N, C-alpha and C. Protein backbone atom coordinates (compact mmCIF):
# COMPACT_ATOMS: atom_id res chain seq x y z
N MET A 1 39.35 45.53 -1.45
CA MET A 1 37.89 44.79 -1.13
C MET A 1 38.27 43.34 -1.35
N HIS A 2 37.98 42.40 -0.50
CA HIS A 2 38.72 40.97 -0.66
C HIS A 2 37.46 40.11 -0.17
N GLU A 3 37.04 39.01 -1.25
CA GLU A 3 36.23 38.33 -0.84
C GLU A 3 36.54 36.73 -0.72
N GLY A 4 36.09 36.28 0.49
CA GLY A 4 36.88 35.19 0.61
C GLY A 4 36.07 33.71 0.32
N LEU A 5 36.84 33.15 -0.64
CA LEU A 5 35.98 31.90 -1.09
C LEU A 5 36.14 30.76 -0.57
N ASN A 6 34.79 30.44 -0.20
CA ASN A 6 35.11 28.96 0.45
C ASN A 6 35.14 27.76 -0.38
N GLN A 7 36.46 27.28 -0.30
CA GLN A 7 37.02 25.99 -1.03
C GLN A 7 35.89 24.61 -0.72
N TRP A 8 35.51 24.57 0.48
CA TRP A 8 35.13 23.20 0.82
C TRP A 8 33.69 23.15 -0.28
N GLN A 9 32.93 24.23 -0.80
CA GLN A 9 32.04 24.34 -1.75
C GLN A 9 32.27 23.82 -2.93
N PHE A 10 33.31 23.71 -3.37
CA PHE A 10 34.15 23.01 -4.87
C PHE A 10 34.61 21.83 -4.38
N VAL A 11 35.13 21.40 -3.01
CA VAL A 11 35.18 20.33 -2.78
C VAL A 11 34.12 19.43 -2.52
N ALA A 12 33.18 19.77 -2.09
CA ALA A 12 31.94 18.83 -1.96
C ALA A 12 31.20 18.25 -3.51
N ALA A 13 31.18 19.66 -3.89
CA ALA A 13 30.75 19.52 -5.46
C ALA A 13 31.61 18.30 -6.27
N ALA A 14 33.10 18.59 -6.10
CA ALA A 14 33.61 17.91 -6.87
C ALA A 14 33.80 16.18 -6.22
N LEU A 15 33.41 16.01 -5.36
CA LEU A 15 33.32 14.72 -4.53
C LEU A 15 31.62 14.16 -4.73
N SER A 16 30.60 15.07 -4.97
CA SER A 16 29.50 14.78 -5.39
C SER A 16 29.28 13.90 -6.77
N ILE A 17 29.96 14.99 -7.57
CA ILE A 17 29.85 14.33 -8.70
C ILE A 17 30.46 13.17 -9.33
N GLY A 18 32.01 13.07 -8.28
CA GLY A 18 32.89 11.76 -8.82
C GLY A 18 31.83 10.64 -8.03
N VAL A 19 31.23 10.77 -6.62
CA VAL A 19 30.52 9.67 -6.16
C VAL A 19 29.08 9.18 -7.17
N GLY A 20 28.71 10.43 -7.62
CA GLY A 20 27.38 10.30 -8.59
C GLY A 20 27.64 9.72 -9.70
N GLY A 21 29.13 9.84 -10.54
CA GLY A 21 29.41 9.16 -11.68
C GLY A 21 29.90 7.81 -10.92
N THR A 22 30.35 7.65 -10.09
CA THR A 22 31.07 6.04 -9.58
C THR A 22 29.63 5.51 -9.55
N LEU A 23 28.58 5.78 -9.10
CA LEU A 23 27.34 5.31 -8.49
C LEU A 23 26.52 4.65 -10.07
N ALA A 24 26.50 5.83 -10.85
CA ALA A 24 25.95 5.48 -11.89
C ALA A 24 26.89 4.38 -13.47
N MET A 25 28.25 4.53 -12.85
CA MET A 25 28.83 3.48 -13.65
C MET A 25 28.65 2.10 -13.24
N VAL A 26 28.43 2.13 -11.96
CA VAL A 26 28.08 0.96 -11.36
C VAL A 26 26.89 -0.06 -11.67
N GLY A 27 25.89 0.85 -11.70
CA GLY A 27 24.72 0.73 -11.81
C GLY A 27 24.51 0.57 -13.18
N TRP A 28 25.24 0.89 -14.44
CA TRP A 28 25.20 0.57 -15.88
C TRP A 28 25.76 -0.81 -16.11
N SER A 29 27.22 -1.03 -15.09
CA SER A 29 27.59 -2.36 -15.50
C SER A 29 27.11 -3.05 -14.78
N LEU A 30 26.41 -3.00 -13.57
CA LEU A 30 25.66 -3.99 -13.40
C LEU A 30 24.45 -4.50 -14.54
N GLY A 31 23.82 -3.71 -14.81
CA GLY A 31 22.66 -4.01 -15.74
C GLY A 31 22.84 -4.56 -17.14
N ALA A 32 24.55 -4.07 -17.65
CA ALA A 32 24.59 -4.73 -18.49
C ALA A 32 25.44 -6.14 -18.23
N MET A 33 25.88 -6.38 -16.99
CA MET A 33 25.85 -8.03 -16.44
C MET A 33 25.03 -9.01 -16.55
N ILE A 34 23.89 -8.02 -15.93
CA ILE A 34 22.61 -9.03 -15.88
C ILE A 34 22.17 -9.38 -17.06
N ARG A 35 21.91 -8.45 -18.10
CA ARG A 35 21.72 -8.76 -19.29
C ARG A 35 22.64 -9.97 -20.22
N ALA A 36 23.52 -9.77 -20.12
CA ALA A 36 24.47 -10.49 -20.59
C ALA A 36 24.05 -12.20 -20.24
N GLU A 37 24.12 -11.92 -18.92
CA GLU A 37 23.87 -13.49 -18.21
C GLU A 37 22.38 -14.19 -18.65
N ARG A 38 21.29 -13.14 -18.88
CA ARG A 38 20.02 -13.60 -19.30
C ARG A 38 20.32 -14.05 -20.66
N ARG A 39 20.93 -13.13 -21.43
CA ARG A 39 21.36 -13.34 -22.75
C ARG A 39 21.94 -15.55 -23.04
N ARG A 40 23.36 -15.06 -22.10
CA ARG A 40 23.64 -16.54 -21.88
C ARG A 40 23.30 -17.72 -21.74
N ASP A 41 21.99 -17.57 -20.53
CA ASP A 41 21.42 -18.50 -20.19
C ASP A 41 20.12 -18.85 -21.65
N LYS A 42 19.72 -18.22 -22.25
CA LYS A 42 18.69 -18.31 -22.85
C LYS A 42 19.61 -19.27 -24.10
N VAL A 43 20.68 -18.79 -24.28
CA VAL A 43 21.57 -19.46 -25.74
C VAL A 43 21.76 -21.12 -24.93
N ARG A 44 22.42 -21.04 -23.69
CA ARG A 44 22.17 -22.72 -23.15
C ARG A 44 20.82 -22.83 -22.82
N GLY A 45 20.14 -22.37 -23.00
CA GLY A 45 18.88 -23.15 -22.98
C GLY A 45 18.18 -23.57 -21.25
N LYS A 46 18.57 -22.85 -20.44
CA LYS A 46 18.11 -22.82 -19.28
C LYS A 46 16.77 -22.14 -18.59
């Protein structure tokens, strides 16, 4: 008896994890950048 594994499910899962992780990292970095710019502007008195 032979079960056929559908490898595309694993490919889709890995791709979704990779894209989701990348988007989360971009969002986190963007938030950190905005906070740092606000801190800089506060110190400069703007």
